[in-house]
Amino acid sequence: MNSIPSPPIPAPKPSSFSPICQPRLATQAIHCGEARPEALHSMTTPLVLSSTFTFENTQALIDFMEHRVERTEEYGRYGNPTQRSTERKLAGLEGTETALLFSSGMAAVTTTLLALLQQGDHAVFTNDCYRKTRQFASTVLAKMGVAFTMAAPALDAIEAAIQPNTRLVFSESPTNPFMNVLDLQGLGAMGRRHHVCTIIDSTFATPCNQRPAEFGIDLIIHSATKYLGGHNDMLAGAVLGPAELIQAVKDYQGMLGCIPDPHSCYLLQRGIKTLPLRVRQINQSGLQLARYLEGHPRVRRVWYPGLPSHPNYALAHRQMSGFGGVVSFEIEGTLKDGGRLIDAMRIPQIAPSLGGTESLIEQPALISYYHAAPEERRKVGISDQLIRLSVGLEDPEDLIADFEQAFRSL
């Protein structure tokens, strides 16, 4: 495989429903990507439950194969009208040329990596990427003969890890669970300088809080299960970027079959329509909860990029318009004390994931890293005292009151 060039990032295109100006995000979330009028004059995008799509005659089939018609549907593994409409909406929000949906966020990650890497290549990952992303690198990519380096989430460390055969750099921003923020403009420039594809998992930010393509990032990935869907009722993933790179990923998706079902696409599109409203409230509540926890005597430390105490506070303010609802903190005490605090809470529920209407809380040492050896947990900074809160849409004052009574139980 030759070096993957950093393609030009297309400027966001005006939505078809507004020939006068570029709509703001809340308007785009509701209208962009949808046909006017929809089939049967439906207000919402129809849910098309079909695994295969017919052709009127042989000539229509030939025209399709010769790319002489705009029709894109042939078989459900290659696409669906409900899926395409949702992809157009996502691309409009992120300001990218196109988008591709998957059955989950990890399906988007793994298929993208398989499409862009081959034996003899090298990739750079930041060492606080999602645990399953790192596991995929150390097992599947290593088995394929792809070398990789885990670098600290800082530009100098990433650039030092780039080798002559490096094909891509993969990071999250913000990261999980310590909410580290990467300099996206610097990373995009680095990718162009070294002819390396840059990929950012922007799940924690959403297009409401940052748009990596505007900083020169080549590909953006989302676990759409989280904020984009927003209701803890569906699974999906997405990769967004220039059509040429997305087509390479789509070719692999057609072989691997990790496609989203039409109903999940329908639920995702419905969730996206309220995304700006939900994220605005979650941003406010997240900051309020982070400030409260940082001032509590039983809390040792808080990680939230909207706090001046966070090491990436200044950078986050430069490139983000909000900081989301994930607040990680360490308590004074033990692993059992953390469990007692969580068990005493009445509003947040114990669960992984984030970004839904309900607040969720967890101890990473007991969910993501339960089977990891203590030294492995320490290596990535996961202490017994660490707790991760995903703030939902409940009243923040009620959440604070719930923390107050739970801390008293200690």
Protein backbone atom coordinates (compact mmCIF):
# COMPACT_ATOMS: atom_id res chain seq x y z
CA MET A 1 0.00 0.00 0.00
CA ASN A 2 1.26 3.42 -0.91
CA SER A 3 1.21 6.26 1.55
CA ILE A 4 -2.30 7.46 2.20
CA PRO A 5 -2.44 11.11 1.20
CA SER A 6 -4.30 13.58 3.33
CA PRO A 7 -7.16 14.60 1.04
CA PRO A 8 -8.51 18.13 1.06
CA ILE A 9 -11.31 18.57 3.56
CA PRO A 10 -14.41 19.75 1.69
CA ALA A 11 -16.18 22.85 2.95
CA PRO A 12 -19.63 22.25 4.44
CA LYS A 13 -22.24 22.53 1.70
CA PRO A 14 -25.45 24.53 2.15
CA SER A 15 -28.44 22.30 2.84
CA SER A 16 -30.81 21.76 -0.05
CA PHE A 17 -33.69 23.23 1.91
CA SER A 18 -31.95 26.60 2.37
CA PRO A 19 -30.63 28.18 -0.83
CA ILE A 20 -29.93 31.48 0.93
CA CYS A 21 -27.46 30.71 3.69
CA GLN A 22 -25.77 27.96 5.71
CA PRO A 23 -28.18 27.01 8.50
CA ARG A 24 -27.04 26.78 12.09
CA LEU A 25 -26.51 23.44 13.79
CA ALA A 26 -29.95 23.06 15.38
CA THR A 27 -31.65 23.68 12.03
CA GLN A 28 -29.29 21.30 10.23
CA ALA A 29 -29.93 18.57 12.79
CA ILE A 30 -33.63 18.64 11.97
CA HIS A 31 -33.64 19.23 8.21
CA CYS A 32 -30.37 18.41 6.44
CA GLY A 33 -30.04 15.16 4.52
CA GLU A 34 -33.80 14.64 4.19
CA ALA A 35 -35.75 14.68 0.94
CA ARG A 36 -38.41 17.31 0.26
CA PRO A 37 -41.04 15.94 -0.07
CA GLU A 38 -40.45 12.56 1.53
CA ALA A 39 -42.02 9.47 0.01
CA LEU A 40 -45.80 9.50 0.37
CA HIS A 41 -45.44 13.04 1.76
CA SER A 42 -44.38 11.61 5.11
CA MET A 43 -43.11 14.16 7.62
CA THR A 44 -40.36 11.80 8.84
CA THR A 45 -37.92 9.78 6.75
CA PRO A 46 -39.63 6.44 6.07
CA LEU A 47 -38.29 3.29 7.69
CA VAL A 48 -37.53 1.03 4.72
CA LEU A 49 -37.54 -2.59 5.90
CA SER A 50 -36.24 -4.38 2.84
CA SER A 51 -33.21 -6.62 2.43
CA THR A 52 -33.16 -6.38 -1.35
CA PHE A 53 -34.22 -3.89 -4.03
CA THR A 54 -35.68 -4.68 -7.47
CA PHE A 55 -34.96 -3.38 -10.96
CA GLU A 56 -37.69 -2.43 -13.42
CA ASN A 57 -35.97 -4.20 -16.32
CA THR A 58 -32.60 -5.40 -17.60
CA GLN A 59 -31.67 -1.99 -18.98
CA ALA A 60 -32.32 -0.42 -15.57
CA LEU A 61 -29.92 -2.97 -14.06
CA ILE A 62 -27.26 -2.18 -16.71
CA ASP A 63 -27.69 1.57 -16.13
CA PHE A 64 -27.17 0.99 -12.43
CA MET A 65 -24.04 -1.09 -12.97
CA GLU A 66 -22.66 1.52 -15.37
CA HIS A 67 -23.35 4.30 -12.80
CA ARG A 68 -25.71 6.08 -15.20
CA VAL A 69 -28.44 6.49 -12.56
CA GLU A 70 -28.39 8.09 -9.12
CA ARG A 71 -30.05 5.11 -7.46
CA THR A 72 -27.73 3.58 -4.83
CA GLU A 73 -29.70 0.62 -3.46
CA GLU A 74 -29.22 -2.91 -4.73
CA TYR A 75 -28.92 -5.18 -1.70
CA GLY A 76 -29.23 -4.41 2.02
CA ARG A 77 -25.57 -5.15 2.76
CA TYR A 78 -24.59 -2.28 0.48
CA GLY A 79 -27.09 0.28 1.74
CA ASN A 80 -30.65 1.23 2.51
CA PRO A 81 -32.64 4.46 1.89
CA THR A 82 -33.14 5.08 5.61
CA GLN A 83 -29.42 4.55 6.17
CA ARG A 84 -28.47 6.91 3.33
CA SER A 85 -30.70 9.69 4.64
CA THR A 86 -29.15 9.39 8.11
CA GLU A 87 -25.65 9.39 6.64
CA ARG A 88 -26.37 12.61 4.75
CA LYS A 89 -27.63 14.23 7.95
CA LEU A 90 -24.49 13.20 9.87
CA ALA A 91 -22.19 14.45 7.11
CA GLY A 92 -24.01 17.77 7.13
CA LEU A 93 -23.51 18.15 10.89
CA GLU A 94 -19.79 17.26 10.76
CA GLY A 95 -19.10 19.27 7.62
CA THR A 96 -17.67 16.31 5.73
CA GLU A 97 -18.21 15.16 2.17
CA THR A 98 -19.87 11.91 3.17
CA ALA A 99 -20.54 9.45 5.99
CA LEU A 100 -20.90 5.69 6.38
CA LEU A 101 -22.92 3.97 9.11
CA PHE A 102 -22.05 0.69 10.83
CA SER A 103 -23.62 -1.73 13.25
CA SER A 104 -21.58 -0.31 16.16
CA GLY A 105 -18.79 2.11 16.96
CA MET A 106 -16.25 -0.71 17.14
CA ALA A 107 -17.39 -1.97 13.73
CA ALA A 108 -16.62 1.50 12.35
CA VAL A 109 -13.18 1.49 14.02
CA THR A 110 -12.13 -2.02 13.00
CA THR A 111 -13.42 -1.84 9.42
CA THR A 112 -11.68 1.50 8.86
CA LEU A 113 -8.39 0.12 10.16
CA LEU A 114 -8.69 -3.05 8.06
CA ALA A 115 -9.43 -1.00 4.95
CA LEU A 116 -6.44 1.34 5.36
CA LEU A 117 -3.73 -1.00 6.68
CA GLN A 118 -1.94 -4.03 5.28
CA GLN A 119 1.02 -6.25 6.11
CA GLY A 120 4.21 -4.25 6.59
CA ASP A 121 2.44 -1.03 7.52
CA HIS A 122 2.80 0.85 10.80
CA ALA A 123 0.15 2.77 12.75
CA VAL A 124 0.28 5.11 15.73
CA PHE A 125 -2.38 4.98 18.44
CA THR A 126 -2.56 7.18 21.50
CA ASN A 127 -2.20 5.08 24.61
CA ASP A 128 -5.49 6.17 26.16
CA CYS A 129 -7.67 5.09 23.25
CA TYR A 130 -10.67 2.92 24.05
CA ARG A 131 -9.49 -0.40 25.48
CA LYS A 132 -11.06 -2.49 22.70
CA THR A 133 -9.36 -0.36 20.03
CA ARG A 134 -6.01 -1.05 21.67
CA GLN A 135 -6.92 -4.72 21.98
CA PHE A 136 -7.74 -4.88 18.26
CA ALA A 137 -4.33 -3.43 17.47
CA SER A 138 -2.46 -5.86 19.70
CA THR A 139 -4.32 -8.94 18.46
CA VAL A 140 -5.83 -8.63 14.97
CA LEU A 141 -3.48 -6.03 13.49
CA ALA A 142 -0.44 -7.74 14.97
CA LYS A 143 -1.62 -11.04 13.48
CA MET A 144 -1.89 -9.31 10.08
CA GLY A 145 1.72 -8.16 10.29
CA VAL A 146 0.87 -4.53 10.99
CA ALA A 147 3.23 -2.87 13.47
CA PHE A 148 1.97 -0.18 15.81
CA THR A 149 3.17 2.21 18.49
CA MET A 150 1.18 3.43 21.49
CA ALA A 151 2.10 7.07 22.07
CA ALA A 152 1.11 9.60 24.71
CA PRO A 153 -1.77 11.88 23.58
CA ALA A 154 0.54 14.79 22.75
CA LEU A 155 1.80 16.04 19.39
CA ASP A 156 5.49 15.64 20.15
CA ALA A 157 5.02 12.03 21.30
CA ILE A 158 2.88 11.19 18.27
CA GLU A 159 5.33 12.74 15.81
CA ALA A 160 8.25 10.92 17.45
CA ALA A 161 6.39 7.64 16.88
CA ILE A 162 5.89 8.17 13.13
CA GLN A 163 8.04 5.91 10.97
CA PRO A 164 8.67 5.76 7.20
CA ASN A 165 5.97 3.07 6.84
CA THR A 166 3.41 4.77 9.10
CA ARG A 167 0.07 4.93 7.33
CA LEU A 168 -2.23 6.42 9.95
CA VAL A 169 -2.51 8.07 13.36
CA PHE A 170 -5.53 7.19 15.48
CA SER A 171 -6.66 9.02 18.59
CA GLU A 172 -9.73 10.07 20.53
CA SER A 173 -10.44 13.62 21.62
CA PRO A 174 -11.57 13.91 24.33
CA THR A 175 -10.30 10.56 25.55
CA ASN A 176 -11.84 8.08 27.97
CA PRO A 177 -11.84 8.30 30.97
CA PHE A 178 -9.45 11.22 31.63
CA MET A 179 -10.89 13.56 28.99
CA ASN A 180 -7.53 14.43 27.42
CA VAL A 181 -7.91 16.83 24.49
CA LEU A 182 -5.60 16.59 21.48
CA ASP A 183 -4.50 19.59 19.42
CA LEU A 184 -6.50 18.76 16.28
CA GLN A 185 -5.11 21.55 14.12
CA GLY A 186 -1.58 20.49 14.98
CA LEU A 187 -2.42 16.84 14.30
CA GLY A 188 -3.97 17.64 10.93
CA ALA A 189 -0.90 19.62 9.89
CA MET A 190 1.34 16.79 11.09
CA GLY A 191 -0.60 14.29 9.00
CA ARG A 192 -0.20 16.39 5.86
CA ARG A 193 3.48 16.94 6.60
CA HIS A 194 4.17 13.20 6.89
CA HIS A 195 1.56 12.04 4.33
CA VAL A 196 -0.22 10.11 7.05
CA CYS A 197 -3.98 9.67 7.41
CA THR A 198 -5.30 11.20 10.65
CA ILE A 199 -8.32 9.64 12.39
CA ILE A 200 -10.14 11.07 15.41
CA ASP A 201 -12.79 9.27 17.43
CA SER A 202 -14.98 12.25 18.34
CA THR A 203 -17.69 10.33 20.21
CA PHE A 204 -17.30 12.26 23.47
CA ALA A 205 -17.45 15.65 21.71
CA THR A 206 -20.20 15.20 19.09
CA PRO A 207 -20.45 17.64 16.17
CA CYS A 208 -22.03 20.11 18.61
CA ASN A 209 -18.82 20.58 20.61
CA GLN A 210 -16.15 20.13 17.93
CA ARG A 211 -15.87 19.37 14.21
CA PRO A 212 -12.46 17.77 13.55
CA ALA A 213 -12.70 18.19 9.76
CA GLU A 214 -12.48 21.95 10.25
CA PHE A 215 -9.02 21.40 11.79
CA GLY A 216 -7.77 19.27 8.89
CA ILE A 217 -8.48 15.79 10.31
CA ASP A 218 -9.06 13.24 7.54
CA LEU A 219 -11.54 10.81 9.11
CA ILE A 220 -13.91 11.19 12.06
CA ILE A 221 -15.41 8.23 13.90
CA HIS A 222 -18.41 8.12 16.23
CA SER A 223 -20.00 5.50 18.39
CA ALA A 224 -23.47 6.69 17.41
CA THR A 225 -24.86 4.56 20.24
CA LYS A 226 -23.88 7.35 22.62
CA TYR A 227 -24.82 11.03 22.22
CA LEU A 228 -25.96 10.83 18.59
CA GLY A 229 -28.65 8.25 19.30
CA GLY A 230 -29.05 9.66 22.78
CA HIS A 231 -31.68 7.35 24.28
CA ASN A 232 -29.84 4.10 25.17
CA ASP A 233 -32.03 2.15 22.74
CA MET A 234 -29.90 1.40 19.66
CA LEU A 235 -26.39 0.50 18.47
CA ALA A 236 -24.57 2.15 15.55
CA GLY A 237 -21.24 3.60 14.51
CA ALA A 238 -20.11 6.02 11.83
CA VAL A 239 -17.01 7.07 9.91
CA LEU A 240 -17.05 10.43 8.11
CA GLY A 241 -14.70 12.14 5.70
CA PRO A 242 -13.78 12.58 2.01
CA ALA A 243 -15.63 10.35 -0.47
CA GLU A 244 -12.44 8.65 -1.69
CA LEU A 245 -11.42 7.41 1.74
CA ILE A 246 -14.97 6.51 2.76
CA GLN A 247 -15.39 4.46 -0.43
CA ALA A 248 -12.33 2.39 0.50
CA VAL A 249 -13.92 1.68 3.88
CA LYS A 250 -17.31 0.97 2.29
CA ASP A 251 -15.76 -1.67 0.02
CA TYR A 252 -14.58 -3.54 3.12
CA GLN A 253 -17.93 -3.11 4.84
CA GLY A 254 -19.63 -4.80 1.88
CA MET A 255 -17.39 -7.83 2.39
CA LEU A 256 -17.49 -7.93 6.19
CA GLY A 257 -21.19 -7.23 6.49
CA CYS A 258 -21.05 -5.03 9.61
CA ILE A 259 -24.00 -2.92 8.50
CA PRO A 260 -26.59 -1.07 10.59
CA ASP A 261 -30.16 -2.33 10.50
CA PRO A 262 -32.73 0.11 9.07
CA HIS A 263 -34.60 0.47 12.37
CA SER A 264 -31.42 1.56 14.15
CA CYS A 265 -30.83 4.12 11.40
CA TYR A 266 -34.38 5.41 11.89
CA LEU A 267 -33.87 5.73 15.66
CA LEU A 268 -30.49 7.39 15.10
CA GLN A 269 -31.98 9.98 12.76
CA ARG A 270 -34.69 10.72 15.29
CA GLY A 271 -32.07 11.13 18.02
CA ILE A 272 -29.93 13.47 15.93
CA LYS A 273 -32.83 15.91 15.56
CA THR A 274 -32.66 16.73 19.28
CA LEU A 275 -28.86 16.42 19.57
CA PRO A 276 -28.06 20.17 19.84
CA LEU A 277 -30.70 20.65 22.54
CA ARG A 278 -29.56 17.61 24.51
CA VAL A 279 -25.86 18.41 24.26
CA ARG A 280 -26.43 22.03 25.30
CA GLN A 281 -28.13 20.88 28.51
CA ILE A 282 -25.59 18.12 29.14
CA ASN A 283 -22.72 20.60 28.69
CA GLN A 284 -24.23 22.86 31.35
CA SER A 285 -24.99 20.03 33.76
CA GLY A 286 -21.60 18.38 33.24
CA LEU A 287 -19.76 21.57 34.11
CA GLN A 288 -21.97 22.13 37.16
CA LEU A 289 -21.41 18.59 38.45
CA ALA A 290 -17.66 18.82 37.77
CA ARG A 291 -17.39 22.04 39.80
CA TYR A 292 -19.41 20.52 42.63
CA LEU A 293 -17.29 17.36 42.77
CA GLU A 294 -14.03 19.31 42.62
CA GLY A 295 -15.10 21.24 45.70
CA HIS A 296 -16.14 18.20 47.72
CA PRO A 297 -13.82 17.18 50.59
CA ARG A 298 -14.17 13.47 49.81
CA VAL A 299 -13.03 13.95 46.19
CA ARG A 300 -9.30 13.80 45.53
CA ARG A 301 -9.31 14.90 41.87
CA VAL A 302 -11.67 15.61 38.97
CA TRP A 303 -10.99 15.25 35.23
CA TYR A 304 -13.17 17.51 33.09
CA PRO A 305 -11.77 19.76 30.33
CA GLY A 306 -14.09 22.60 31.30
CA LEU A 307 -12.27 22.98 34.65
CA PRO A 308 -9.13 25.16 34.90
CA SER A 309 -7.50 22.28 36.80
CA HIS A 310 -7.57 20.05 33.71
CA PRO A 311 -4.19 20.00 31.90
CA ASN A 312 -5.88 20.63 28.53
CA TYR A 313 -8.21 23.40 29.72
CA ALA A 314 -6.78 26.15 27.48
CA LEU A 315 -6.67 23.90 24.40
CA ALA A 316 -10.21 22.66 25.00
CA HIS A 317 -11.48 26.25 25.15
CA ARG A 318 -9.76 27.03 21.84
CA GLN A 319 -11.19 24.15 19.81
CA MET A 320 -14.38 23.08 21.62
CA SER A 321 -17.64 24.92 22.20
CA GLY A 322 -18.67 22.66 25.09
CA PHE A 323 -17.20 19.83 27.13
CA GLY A 324 -19.87 17.14 27.33
CA GLY A 325 -21.24 15.18 30.23
CA VAL A 326 -18.49 12.73 31.19
CA VAL A 327 -16.91 13.60 34.53
CA SER A 328 -14.22 11.31 35.97
CA PHE A 329 -13.12 11.67 39.57
CA GLU A 330 -11.18 9.93 42.31
CA ILE A 331 -12.53 9.71 45.85
CA GLU A 332 -10.64 9.52 49.10
CA GLY A 333 -11.05 5.89 50.07
CA THR A 334 -10.93 2.39 48.64
CA LEU A 335 -12.54 0.39 45.84
CA LYS A 336 -15.24 -0.70 48.30
CA ASP A 337 -15.87 2.92 49.31
CA GLY A 338 -16.47 3.76 45.67
CA GLY A 339 -18.96 0.91 45.44
CA ARG A 340 -20.74 2.09 48.59
CA LEU A 341 -21.00 5.62 47.20
CA ILE A 342 -22.44 4.37 43.92
CA ASP A 343 -24.85 1.97 45.62
CA ALA A 344 -26.17 4.81 47.79
CA MET A 345 -27.06 6.96 44.79
CA ARG A 346 -30.69 6.95 43.66
CA ILE A 347 -30.62 8.65 40.25
CA PRO A 348 -27.59 7.41 38.23
CA GLN A 349 -27.71 3.75 37.29
CA ILE A 350 -24.70 1.43 37.24
CA ALA A 351 -23.88 0.79 33.60
CA PRO A 352 -21.22 1.32 30.93
CA SER A 353 -21.83 3.70 28.02
CA LEU A 354 -22.74 7.38 28.06
CA GLY A 355 -24.60 10.09 26.22
CA GLY A 356 -28.19 9.01 26.89
CA THR A 357 -31.02 10.75 28.67
CA GLU A 358 -30.30 8.86 31.90
CA SER A 359 -27.23 9.52 34.05
CA LEU A 360 -24.94 6.51 34.39
CA ILE A 361 -22.14 5.83 36.85
CA GLU A 362 -19.41 3.20 37.04
CA GLN A 363 -16.08 2.20 38.51
CA PRO A 364 -13.75 1.53 35.54
CA ALA A 365 -11.77 -0.97 37.64
CA LEU A 366 -14.93 -3.09 37.92
CA ILE A 367 -16.38 -2.70 34.42
CA SER A 368 -13.81 -2.07 31.72
CA TYR A 369 -10.80 -3.41 33.61
CA TYR A 370 -12.28 -6.09 35.89
CA HIS A 371 -10.22 -8.87 34.28
CA ALA A 372 -7.06 -6.77 33.94
CA ALA A 373 -4.17 -7.31 36.32
CA PRO A 374 -3.58 -4.49 38.84
CA GLU A 375 -0.31 -3.55 37.14
CA GLU A 376 -2.09 -3.24 33.78
CA ARG A 377 -4.70 -0.96 35.34
CA ARG A 378 -2.01 1.19 36.95
CA LYS A 379 -0.16 1.44 33.64
CA VAL A 380 -3.13 3.27 32.08
CA GLY A 381 -3.96 5.22 35.24
CA ILE A 382 -7.05 3.27 36.33
CA SER A 383 -7.01 3.44 40.12
CA ASP A 384 -9.33 1.68 42.56
CA GLN A 385 -10.68 5.09 43.56
CA LEU A 386 -11.66 6.18 40.03
CA ILE A 387 -15.34 6.74 39.23
CA ARG A 388 -16.81 7.83 35.89
CA LEU A 389 -20.10 9.73 35.76
CA SER A 390 -22.02 10.23 32.52
CA VAL A 391 -24.42 13.09 33.13
CA GLY A 392 -27.87 12.73 31.56
CA LEU A 393 -30.78 15.10 31.24
CA GLU A 394 -31.94 15.08 34.87
CA ASP A 395 -31.93 18.36 36.76
CA PRO A 396 -28.33 18.96 37.90
CA GLU A 397 -29.52 20.16 41.30
CA ASP A 398 -31.17 16.79 41.85
CA LEU A 399 -27.96 15.00 40.91
CA ILE A 400 -25.96 17.17 43.32
CA ALA A 401 -28.46 16.47 46.10
CA ASP A 402 -28.16 12.77 45.34
CA PHE A 403 -24.36 12.97 45.63
CA GLU A 404 -24.71 14.81 48.93
CA GLN A 405 -26.79 12.07 50.53
CA ALA A 406 -24.59 9.35 49.02
CA PHE A 407 -21.37 10.93 50.36
CA ARG A 408 -22.98 11.10 53.80
CA SER A 409 -23.42 7.34 53.67
CA LEU A 410 -19.63 6.98 53.68
